[in-house]
Each structure stands twice: as structure tokens, then as C-alpha cells.
């Protein structure tokens, strides 16, 4: 639960126990400004940890190791290896399976929206098309050159 204080955890558990799961999810979603699915998964993880009595906070890794770990997670996502990305994130962060899955899914959504933005940008589309156009133009030029040289050869023979 990224950024939650113990007091916030206790409030979420209290909301869960007194008013139900929906109230706890809404509370988490409002605090963390995340998607409904992420909030639901996180609340379920908080509830599960409370049931088994294992609310653990692993020591934060140094930033270089953390960056390397996130690069590995991002590479797994880029290759379409969601399970591998969840496993890597879970090992590095010490988070629960539900939290790790929610994190990886949010990263996947971010990368999808980023790639959609880059392909919808006019300059990106133009640069993608210019490669094909250049090849077609080169092909047409070579074809025309061959035709002209063939005609010249015919004229010279006559």
C-alpha cells in the first residue's frame, strides 16, 4: 500500500468492518487517486494482511537497485510477460500478490496510454509513413529509369 500510514490502514479496516468493502474501497480510491480496480485489490490485500496479522514493511531498497528492478519489470511488461513482471515486482517490493498484480496492471495501462499518445501524435504518424513513401518513391524512380533505358536501347538498335 504505497503511501498509506498506519492510521489510514486502520481507517480502511474500520470502514471495511463497519460499513463494508465498498466504503473501504471508496476511501482508499479517494486517498490514493487510483483506479477502482487498484483500490479494490489494495483493500483486499489490507484485509488479508490484517487477518493473518502480517502487516510488513520491507526496508526500502536503494534507488539504483530500485531503478534496475523497475527496468526489469518494465522490460517484462514490454515483452508481454505480465506474470513475470508481477513476480519480479513482488520479489523486489515485498508487496502482496494482489498489490503486485494491481501495480503491474497500472504500469501496463500507463504504457498503453503512452504508446497510444505517441502513435496518435501527427509527427509520429508522419514519420512512420515517410519510410513507406520513401521506399515507394525509390521503387517508382528505379522502374522509370529501367523503362527509359530500355527505350533508349531500342532506339539505338534501330
N, C-alpha and C. Protein backbone atom coordinates (compact mmCIF):
# COMPACT_ATOMS: atom_id res chain seq x y z
N UNK A 1 0.84 -1.16 0.00
CA UNK A 1 0.00 0.00 0.00
C UNK A 1 0.89 1.23 0.00
N UNK A 2 1.24 1.62 -1.14
CA UNK A 2 2.13 2.75 -1.34
C UNK A 2 1.57 3.99 -0.68
N UNK A 3 2.32 4.56 0.27
CA UNK A 3 1.97 5.85 0.83
C UNK A 3 0.91 5.85 1.88
N UNK A 4 0.47 4.72 2.36
CA UNK A 4 -0.55 4.70 3.40
C UNK A 4 0.11 4.69 4.77
N UNK A 5 -0.38 5.54 5.65
CA UNK A 5 0.11 5.50 7.02
C UNK A 5 -0.64 4.39 7.77
N UNK A 6 -0.15 4.06 8.94
CA UNK A 6 -0.82 3.03 9.74
C UNK A 6 -2.22 3.50 10.12
N UNK A 7 -2.36 4.80 10.38
CA UNK A 7 -3.67 5.36 10.72
C UNK A 7 -4.65 5.18 9.56
N UNK A 8 -4.18 5.41 8.33
CA UNK A 8 -5.04 5.24 7.16
C UNK A 8 -5.43 3.77 6.98
N UNK A 9 -4.47 2.88 7.21
CA UNK A 9 -4.78 1.44 7.15
C UNK A 9 -5.87 1.08 8.15
N UNK A 10 -5.72 1.61 9.37
CA UNK A 10 -6.71 1.33 10.42
C UNK A 10 -8.08 1.87 10.04
N UNK A 11 -8.10 3.06 9.43
CA UNK A 11 -9.38 3.64 9.00
C UNK A 11 -10.02 2.81 7.89
N UNK A 12 -9.20 2.30 6.98
CA UNK A 12 -9.73 1.45 5.91
C UNK A 12 -10.30 0.16 6.49
N UNK A 13 -9.57 -0.45 7.42
CA UNK A 13 -10.06 -1.67 8.07
C UNK A 13 -11.35 -1.40 8.84
N UNK A 14 -11.40 -0.26 9.52
CA UNK A 14 -12.61 0.12 10.26
C UNK A 14 -13.79 0.31 9.31
N UNK A 15 -13.55 1.00 8.20
CA UNK A 15 -14.61 1.20 7.21
C UNK A 15 -15.05 -0.15 6.64
N UNK A 16 -14.09 -1.03 6.39
CA UNK A 16 -14.40 -2.36 5.86
C UNK A 16 -15.27 -3.14 6.84
N UNK A 17 -14.88 -3.12 8.10
CA UNK A 17 -15.61 -3.90 9.11
C UNK A 17 -16.97 -3.30 9.45
N UNK A 18 -17.07 -1.97 9.49
CA UNK A 18 -18.31 -1.31 9.92
C UNK A 18 -19.28 -1.02 8.78
N UNK A 19 -18.76 -0.59 7.64
CA UNK A 19 -19.65 -0.16 6.56
C UNK A 19 -19.54 -1.03 5.32
N UNK A 20 -18.56 -1.91 5.26
CA UNK A 20 -18.44 -2.83 4.14
C UNK A 20 -17.30 -2.50 3.19
N UNK A 21 -17.11 -3.40 2.26
CA UNK A 21 -15.99 -3.31 1.33
C UNK A 21 -16.07 -2.08 0.43
N UNK A 22 -17.27 -1.74 -0.02
CA UNK A 22 -17.43 -0.60 -0.93
C UNK A 22 -16.96 0.69 -0.28
N UNK A 23 -17.30 0.88 0.98
CA UNK A 23 -16.88 2.09 1.69
C UNK A 23 -15.36 2.13 1.83
N UNK A 24 -14.75 0.99 2.13
CA UNK A 24 -13.30 0.93 2.27
C UNK A 24 -12.60 1.21 0.94
N UNK A 25 -13.14 0.65 -0.15
CA UNK A 25 -12.57 0.87 -1.47
C UNK A 25 -12.68 2.34 -1.86
N UNK A 26 -13.83 2.95 -1.58
CA UNK A 26 -14.01 4.36 -1.90
C UNK A 26 -13.01 5.22 -1.13
N UNK A 27 -12.83 4.90 0.13
CA UNK A 27 -11.88 5.65 0.97
C UNK A 27 -10.46 5.54 0.40
N UNK A 28 -10.04 4.33 0.08
CA UNK A 28 -8.70 4.12 -0.49
C UNK A 28 -8.56 4.85 -1.82
N UNK A 29 -9.59 4.72 -2.67
CA UNK A 29 -9.54 5.35 -4.00
C UNK A 29 -9.42 6.87 -3.88
N UNK A 30 -10.14 7.46 -2.95
CA UNK A 30 -10.07 8.91 -2.74
C UNK A 30 -8.69 9.34 -2.26
N UNK A 31 -8.12 8.58 -1.33
CA UNK A 31 -6.81 8.94 -0.78
C UNK A 31 -5.70 8.77 -1.79
N UNK A 32 -5.73 7.67 -2.52
CA UNK A 32 -4.61 7.32 -3.38
C UNK A 32 -4.79 7.79 -4.82
N UNK A 33 -5.98 8.28 -5.17
CA UNK A 33 -6.25 8.76 -6.52
C UNK A 33 -5.88 7.70 -7.56
N UNK A 34 -6.47 6.52 -7.40
CA UNK A 34 -6.14 5.40 -8.28
C UNK A 34 -7.42 4.86 -8.91
N UNK A 35 -7.28 3.83 -9.72
CA UNK A 35 -8.45 3.24 -10.37
C UNK A 35 -9.25 2.41 -9.36
N UNK A 36 -10.48 2.12 -9.72
CA UNK A 36 -11.34 1.33 -8.86
C UNK A 36 -10.77 -0.07 -8.64
N UNK A 37 -10.24 -0.67 -9.69
CA UNK A 37 -9.66 -2.00 -9.57
C UNK A 37 -8.45 -2.00 -8.64
N UNK A 38 -7.58 -1.01 -8.79
CA UNK A 38 -6.42 -0.92 -7.91
C UNK A 38 -6.84 -0.75 -6.46
N UNK A 39 -7.85 0.09 -6.23
CA UNK A 39 -8.33 0.31 -4.87
C UNK A 39 -8.94 -0.97 -4.30
N UNK A 40 -9.73 -1.67 -5.09
CA UNK A 40 -10.34 -2.93 -4.63
C UNK A 40 -9.27 -3.94 -4.27
N UNK A 41 -8.27 -4.11 -5.15
CA UNK A 41 -7.20 -5.06 -4.88
C UNK A 41 -6.41 -4.68 -3.64
N UNK A 42 -6.15 -3.40 -3.47
CA UNK A 42 -5.38 -2.94 -2.31
C UNK A 42 -6.16 -3.16 -1.02
N UNK A 43 -7.46 -2.86 -1.03
CA UNK A 43 -8.29 -3.07 0.17
C UNK A 43 -8.35 -4.55 0.51
N UNK A 44 -8.49 -5.39 -0.49
CA UNK A 44 -8.49 -6.83 -0.24
C UNK A 44 -7.16 -7.28 0.36
N UNK A 45 -6.07 -6.70 -0.12
CA UNK A 45 -4.75 -7.04 0.42
C UNK A 45 -4.62 -6.57 1.87
N UNK A 46 -5.10 -5.38 2.17
CA UNK A 46 -5.06 -4.86 3.54
C UNK A 46 -5.87 -5.77 4.46
N UNK A 47 -7.06 -6.16 3.98
CA UNK A 47 -7.90 -7.03 4.79
C UNK A 47 -7.23 -8.38 5.01
N UNK A 48 -6.62 -8.93 3.97
CA UNK A 48 -5.94 -10.23 4.08
C UNK A 48 -4.78 -10.14 5.07
N UNK A 49 -3.99 -9.08 4.96
CA UNK A 49 -2.86 -8.91 5.88
C UNK A 49 -3.34 -8.77 7.32
N UNK A 50 -4.46 -8.07 7.50
CA UNK A 50 -4.99 -7.91 8.85
C UNK A 50 -5.46 -9.26 9.41
N UNK A 51 -6.02 -10.10 8.55
CA UNK A 51 -6.50 -11.41 9.00
C UNK A 51 -5.35 -12.30 9.44
N UNK A 52 -4.26 -12.28 8.69
CA UNK A 52 -3.15 -13.17 9.04
C UNK A 52 -2.15 -12.49 9.96
N UNK A 53 -2.36 -11.19 10.23
CA UNK A 53 -1.51 -10.48 11.17
C UNK A 53 -0.12 -10.18 10.66
N UNK A 54 0.01 -10.07 9.34
CA UNK A 54 1.33 -9.81 8.76
C UNK A 54 1.34 -8.49 8.01
N UNK A 55 1.34 -7.41 8.71
CA UNK A 55 1.47 -6.12 8.04
C UNK A 55 2.95 -5.79 8.08
N UNK A 56 3.63 -6.14 6.99
CA UNK A 56 5.08 -5.97 6.97
C UNK A 56 5.47 -4.82 6.06
N UNK A 57 6.46 -4.11 6.46
CA UNK A 57 7.01 -3.02 5.65
C UNK A 57 8.47 -3.35 5.37
N UNK A 58 8.80 -3.81 4.16
CA UNK A 58 10.19 -4.13 3.87
C UNK A 58 11.04 -2.87 3.83
N UNK A 59 12.32 -3.05 4.09
CA UNK A 59 13.22 -1.92 4.03
C UNK A 59 13.30 -1.42 2.60
N UNK A 60 13.22 -0.10 2.40
CA UNK A 60 13.25 0.41 1.03
C UNK A 60 14.61 0.15 0.40
N UNK A 61 14.64 -0.37 -0.83
CA UNK A 61 15.92 -0.62 -1.49
C UNK A 61 16.55 0.70 -1.90
N UNK A 62 17.86 0.67 -2.12
CA UNK A 62 18.50 1.90 -2.58
C UNK A 62 17.98 2.24 -3.97
N UNK A 63 18.11 3.50 -4.35
CA UNK A 63 17.47 3.97 -5.57
C UNK A 63 18.02 3.32 -6.83
N UNK A 64 19.32 3.01 -6.87
CA UNK A 64 19.90 2.39 -8.06
C UNK A 64 19.31 0.99 -8.25
N UNK A 65 19.27 0.22 -7.15
CA UNK A 65 18.70 -1.12 -7.23
C UNK A 65 17.22 -1.05 -7.58
N UNK A 66 16.53 -0.08 -7.01
CA UNK A 66 15.11 0.09 -7.28
C UNK A 66 14.88 0.43 -8.75
N UNK A 67 15.71 1.32 -9.31
CA UNK A 67 15.59 1.67 -10.72
C UNK A 67 15.84 0.46 -11.61
N UNK A 68 16.85 -0.33 -11.26
CA UNK A 68 17.15 -1.54 -12.02
C UNK A 68 15.98 -2.52 -11.96
N UNK A 69 15.40 -2.67 -10.78
CA UNK A 69 14.27 -3.58 -10.61
C UNK A 69 13.08 -3.11 -11.44
N UNK A 70 12.83 -1.80 -11.43
CA UNK A 70 11.71 -1.27 -12.21
C UNK A 70 11.97 -1.41 -13.70
N UNK A 71 13.22 -1.28 -14.11
CA UNK A 71 13.56 -1.50 -15.52
C UNK A 71 13.25 -2.94 -15.92
N UNK A 72 13.58 -3.88 -15.04
CA UNK A 72 13.28 -5.29 -15.32
C UNK A 72 11.78 -5.52 -15.41
N UNK A 73 11.02 -4.89 -14.51
CA UNK A 73 9.56 -5.02 -14.54
C UNK A 73 9.02 -4.43 -15.85
N UNK A 74 9.50 -3.24 -16.22
CA UNK A 74 9.05 -2.59 -17.45
C UNK A 74 9.41 -3.41 -18.70
N UNK A 75 10.60 -4.02 -18.67
CA UNK A 75 11.00 -4.86 -19.81
C UNK A 75 10.10 -6.08 -19.93
N UNK A 76 9.74 -6.68 -18.80
CA UNK A 76 8.83 -7.83 -18.82
C UNK A 76 7.46 -7.40 -19.35
N UNK A 77 7.01 -6.24 -18.96
CA UNK A 77 5.72 -5.72 -19.46
C UNK A 77 5.80 -5.49 -20.95
N UNK A 78 6.90 -4.90 -21.42
CA UNK A 78 7.07 -4.62 -22.85
C UNK A 78 7.07 -5.91 -23.67
N UNK A 79 7.60 -7.00 -23.09
CA UNK A 79 7.60 -8.29 -23.78
C UNK A 79 6.27 -9.01 -23.67
N UNK A 80 5.32 -8.43 -22.92
CA UNK A 80 4.02 -9.06 -22.74
C UNK A 80 4.02 -10.15 -21.69
N UNK A 81 5.02 -10.16 -20.81
CA UNK A 81 5.16 -11.18 -19.77
C UNK A 81 4.62 -10.63 -18.45
N UNK A 82 3.29 -10.57 -18.33
CA UNK A 82 2.64 -10.00 -17.15
C UNK A 82 2.99 -10.78 -15.89
N UNK A 83 2.94 -12.09 -15.96
CA UNK A 83 3.21 -12.92 -14.79
C UNK A 83 4.65 -12.71 -14.29
N UNK A 84 5.58 -12.65 -15.22
CA UNK A 84 6.98 -12.40 -14.86
C UNK A 84 7.14 -11.03 -14.21
N UNK A 85 6.43 -10.03 -14.74
CA UNK A 85 6.50 -8.68 -14.18
C UNK A 85 5.95 -8.64 -12.76
N UNK A 86 4.83 -9.33 -12.54
CA UNK A 86 4.24 -9.39 -11.19
C UNK A 86 5.22 -10.07 -10.23
N UNK A 87 5.80 -11.17 -10.68
CA UNK A 87 6.75 -11.90 -9.84
C UNK A 87 7.96 -11.04 -9.48
N UNK A 88 8.53 -10.37 -10.49
CA UNK A 88 9.68 -9.50 -10.24
C UNK A 88 9.34 -8.38 -9.27
N UNK A 89 8.20 -7.73 -9.49
CA UNK A 89 7.81 -6.62 -8.62
C UNK A 89 7.57 -7.11 -7.20
N UNK A 90 6.93 -8.25 -7.08
CA UNK A 90 6.62 -8.80 -5.75
C UNK A 90 7.90 -9.15 -5.00
N UNK A 91 8.88 -9.75 -5.70
CA UNK A 91 10.15 -10.09 -5.06
C UNK A 91 10.90 -8.85 -4.59
N UNK A 92 10.90 -7.81 -5.42
CA UNK A 92 11.68 -6.61 -5.11
C UNK A 92 11.02 -5.74 -4.05
N UNK A 93 9.68 -5.70 -4.05
CA UNK A 93 8.99 -4.76 -3.18
C UNK A 93 8.51 -5.39 -1.87
N UNK A 94 8.32 -6.70 -1.87
CA UNK A 94 7.77 -7.35 -0.68
C UNK A 94 6.27 -7.17 -0.55
N UNK A 95 5.62 -6.67 -1.58
CA UNK A 95 4.17 -6.45 -1.56
C UNK A 95 3.44 -7.77 -1.73
N UNK A 96 2.15 -7.74 -1.44
CA UNK A 96 1.33 -8.94 -1.61
C UNK A 96 1.10 -9.20 -3.10
N UNK A 97 0.60 -10.37 -3.40
CA UNK A 97 0.34 -10.73 -4.79
C UNK A 97 -0.70 -9.79 -5.40
N UNK A 98 -1.75 -9.49 -4.64
CA UNK A 98 -2.80 -8.60 -5.16
C UNK A 98 -2.25 -7.20 -5.44
N UNK A 99 -1.42 -6.70 -4.52
CA UNK A 99 -0.83 -5.37 -4.72
C UNK A 99 0.11 -5.37 -5.92
N UNK A 100 0.91 -6.42 -6.03
CA UNK A 100 1.85 -6.51 -7.15
C UNK A 100 1.12 -6.57 -8.47
N UNK A 101 0.06 -7.37 -8.51
CA UNK A 101 -0.75 -7.50 -9.74
C UNK A 101 -1.37 -6.15 -10.10
N UNK A 102 -1.92 -5.47 -9.09
CA UNK A 102 -2.54 -4.16 -9.35
C UNK A 102 -1.51 -3.16 -9.85
N UNK A 103 -0.31 -3.19 -9.27
CA UNK A 103 0.75 -2.29 -9.70
C UNK A 103 1.14 -2.55 -11.15
N UNK A 104 1.36 -3.82 -11.49
CA UNK A 104 1.78 -4.18 -12.86
C UNK A 104 0.68 -3.81 -13.85
N UNK A 105 -0.57 -4.05 -13.49
CA UNK A 105 -1.67 -3.69 -14.40
C UNK A 105 -1.73 -2.19 -14.61
N UNK A 106 -1.47 -1.41 -13.57
CA UNK A 106 -1.48 0.04 -13.75
C UNK A 106 -0.30 0.48 -14.62
N UNK A 107 0.86 -0.16 -14.47
CA UNK A 107 2.01 0.14 -15.34
C UNK A 107 1.70 -0.21 -16.79
N UNK A 108 1.02 -1.35 -16.98
CA UNK A 108 0.66 -1.77 -18.34
C UNK A 108 -0.29 -0.75 -18.96
N UNK A 109 -1.25 -0.27 -18.17
CA UNK A 109 -2.20 0.73 -18.66
C UNK A 109 -1.48 2.03 -19.01
N UNK A 110 -0.51 2.41 -18.16
CA UNK A 110 0.26 3.62 -18.44
C UNK A 110 1.05 3.48 -19.73
N UNK A 111 1.66 2.31 -19.92
CA UNK A 111 2.47 2.13 -21.13
C UNK A 111 1.57 2.08 -22.37
N UNK A 112 0.36 1.51 -22.23
CA UNK A 112 -0.58 1.50 -23.36
C UNK A 112 -1.00 2.91 -23.71
N UNK A 113 -1.33 3.72 -22.69
CA UNK A 113 -1.78 5.08 -22.97
C UNK A 113 -0.63 5.92 -23.52
N UNK A 114 0.59 5.69 -23.06
CA UNK A 114 1.75 6.42 -23.58
C UNK A 114 2.00 6.05 -25.03
N UNK A 115 1.91 4.76 -25.37
CA UNK A 115 2.14 4.36 -26.75
C UNK A 115 1.00 4.83 -27.65
N UNK A 116 -0.22 4.89 -27.11
CA UNK A 116 -1.34 5.39 -27.90
C UNK A 116 -1.18 6.87 -28.19
N UNK A 117 -0.67 7.61 -27.20
CA UNK A 117 -0.44 9.04 -27.41
C UNK A 117 0.64 9.27 -28.46
N UNK A 118 1.69 8.46 -28.42
CA UNK A 118 2.78 8.69 -29.37
C UNK A 118 2.36 8.32 -30.80
N UNK A 119 1.50 7.32 -30.97
CA UNK A 119 1.08 6.97 -32.32
C UNK A 119 -0.02 7.89 -32.81
N UNK A 120 -0.76 8.55 -31.89
CA UNK A 120 -1.80 9.46 -32.34
C UNK A 120 -1.24 10.86 -32.60
N UNK A 121 -0.02 11.12 -32.22
CA UNK A 121 0.61 12.41 -32.46
C UNK A 121 0.93 12.53 -33.95
N UNK A 122 0.54 13.64 -34.60
CA UNK A 122 0.73 13.77 -36.05
C UNK A 122 2.17 13.58 -36.50
N UNK A 123 3.14 14.10 -35.77
CA UNK A 123 4.53 13.96 -36.19
C UNK A 123 4.95 12.50 -36.17
N UNK A 124 4.46 11.75 -35.18
CA UNK A 124 4.81 10.32 -35.09
C UNK A 124 4.21 9.56 -36.27
N UNK A 125 2.97 9.88 -36.63
CA UNK A 125 2.33 9.21 -37.76
C UNK A 125 3.04 9.55 -39.06
N UNK A 126 3.41 10.84 -39.23
CA UNK A 126 4.11 11.24 -40.44
C UNK A 126 5.45 10.53 -40.57
N UNK A 127 6.18 10.41 -39.46
CA UNK A 127 7.48 9.76 -39.54
C UNK A 127 7.33 8.28 -39.85
N UNK A 128 6.24 7.66 -39.40
CA UNK A 128 6.01 6.25 -39.71
C UNK A 128 5.67 6.09 -41.20
N UNK A 129 4.91 7.00 -41.74
CA UNK A 129 4.51 6.92 -43.14
C UNK A 129 5.64 7.30 -44.09
N UNK A 130 6.51 8.18 -43.66
CA UNK A 130 7.56 8.66 -44.55
C UNK A 130 8.49 7.54 -44.98
N UNK A 131 8.70 6.55 -44.15
CA UNK A 131 9.55 5.42 -44.52
C UNK A 131 8.96 4.65 -45.68
N UNK A 132 7.66 4.39 -45.64
CA UNK A 132 7.00 3.66 -46.73
C UNK A 132 6.98 4.50 -48.00
N UNK A 133 6.70 5.78 -47.85
CA UNK A 133 6.64 6.65 -49.01
C UNK A 133 8.00 6.71 -49.69
N UNK A 134 9.06 6.80 -48.91
CA UNK A 134 10.40 6.86 -49.49
C UNK A 134 10.71 5.60 -50.29
N UNK A 135 10.34 4.46 -49.76
CA UNK A 135 10.58 3.21 -50.46
C UNK A 135 9.78 3.16 -51.76
N UNK A 136 8.52 3.57 -51.71
CA UNK A 136 7.70 3.58 -52.92
C UNK A 136 8.24 4.55 -53.97
N UNK A 137 8.69 5.71 -53.52
CA UNK A 137 9.26 6.69 -54.44
C UNK A 137 10.53 6.15 -55.09
N UNK A 138 11.37 5.51 -54.32
CA UNK A 138 12.59 4.92 -54.85
C UNK A 138 12.27 3.82 -55.87
N UNK A 139 11.30 2.99 -55.55
CA UNK A 139 10.89 1.91 -56.45
C UNK A 139 10.36 2.48 -57.76
N UNK A 140 9.51 3.50 -57.67
CA UNK A 140 8.95 4.11 -58.87
C UNK A 140 10.05 4.75 -59.72
N UNK A 141 11.02 5.39 -59.06
CA UNK A 141 12.12 6.02 -59.80
C UNK A 141 12.96 4.98 -60.53
N UNK A 142 13.27 3.88 -59.85
CA UNK A 142 14.07 2.82 -60.47
C UNK A 142 13.31 2.17 -61.63
N UNK A 143 12.01 1.97 -61.45
CA UNK A 143 11.20 1.39 -62.52
C UNK A 143 11.18 2.32 -63.73
N UNK A 144 11.00 3.61 -63.48
CA UNK A 144 11.01 4.58 -64.57
C UNK A 144 12.35 4.63 -65.26
N UNK A 145 13.42 4.57 -64.51
CA UNK A 145 14.76 4.60 -65.07
C UNK A 145 15.01 3.37 -65.96
N UNK A 146 14.55 2.21 -65.50
CA UNK A 146 14.70 0.99 -66.30
C UNK A 146 13.91 1.10 -67.61
N UNK A 147 12.72 1.64 -67.53
CA UNK A 147 11.90 1.79 -68.74
C UNK A 147 12.56 2.75 -69.73
N UNK A 148 13.06 3.85 -69.23
CA UNK A 148 13.71 4.84 -70.10
C UNK A 148 14.96 4.24 -70.73
N UNK A 149 15.77 3.54 -69.95
CA UNK A 149 17.00 2.94 -70.52
C UNK A 149 16.65 1.85 -71.52
N UNK A 150 15.57 1.14 -71.31
CA UNK A 150 15.11 0.14 -72.29
C UNK A 150 14.69 0.79 -73.58
N UNK A 151 13.99 1.91 -73.49
CA UNK A 151 13.57 2.63 -74.69
C UNK A 151 14.77 3.19 -75.45
N UNK A 152 15.74 3.71 -74.73
CA UNK A 152 16.95 4.24 -75.37
C UNK A 152 17.69 3.12 -76.10
N UNK A 153 17.78 1.95 -75.48
CA UNK A 153 18.46 0.81 -76.11
C UNK A 153 17.73 0.40 -77.40
N UNK A 154 16.42 0.42 -77.40
CA UNK A 154 15.65 0.07 -78.58
C UNK A 154 15.88 1.07 -79.69
N UNK A 155 15.88 2.36 -79.33
CA UNK A 155 16.08 3.43 -80.32
C UNK A 155 17.47 3.33 -80.93
N UNK A 156 18.48 3.03 -80.12
CA UNK A 156 19.84 2.95 -80.62
C UNK A 156 19.99 1.79 -81.58
N UNK A 157 19.36 0.67 -81.34
CA UNK A 157 19.45 -0.51 -82.21
C UNK A 157 18.84 -0.25 -83.59
N UNK A 158 17.86 0.60 -83.65
CA UNK A 158 17.18 0.82 -84.93
C UNK A 158 17.90 1.75 -85.79
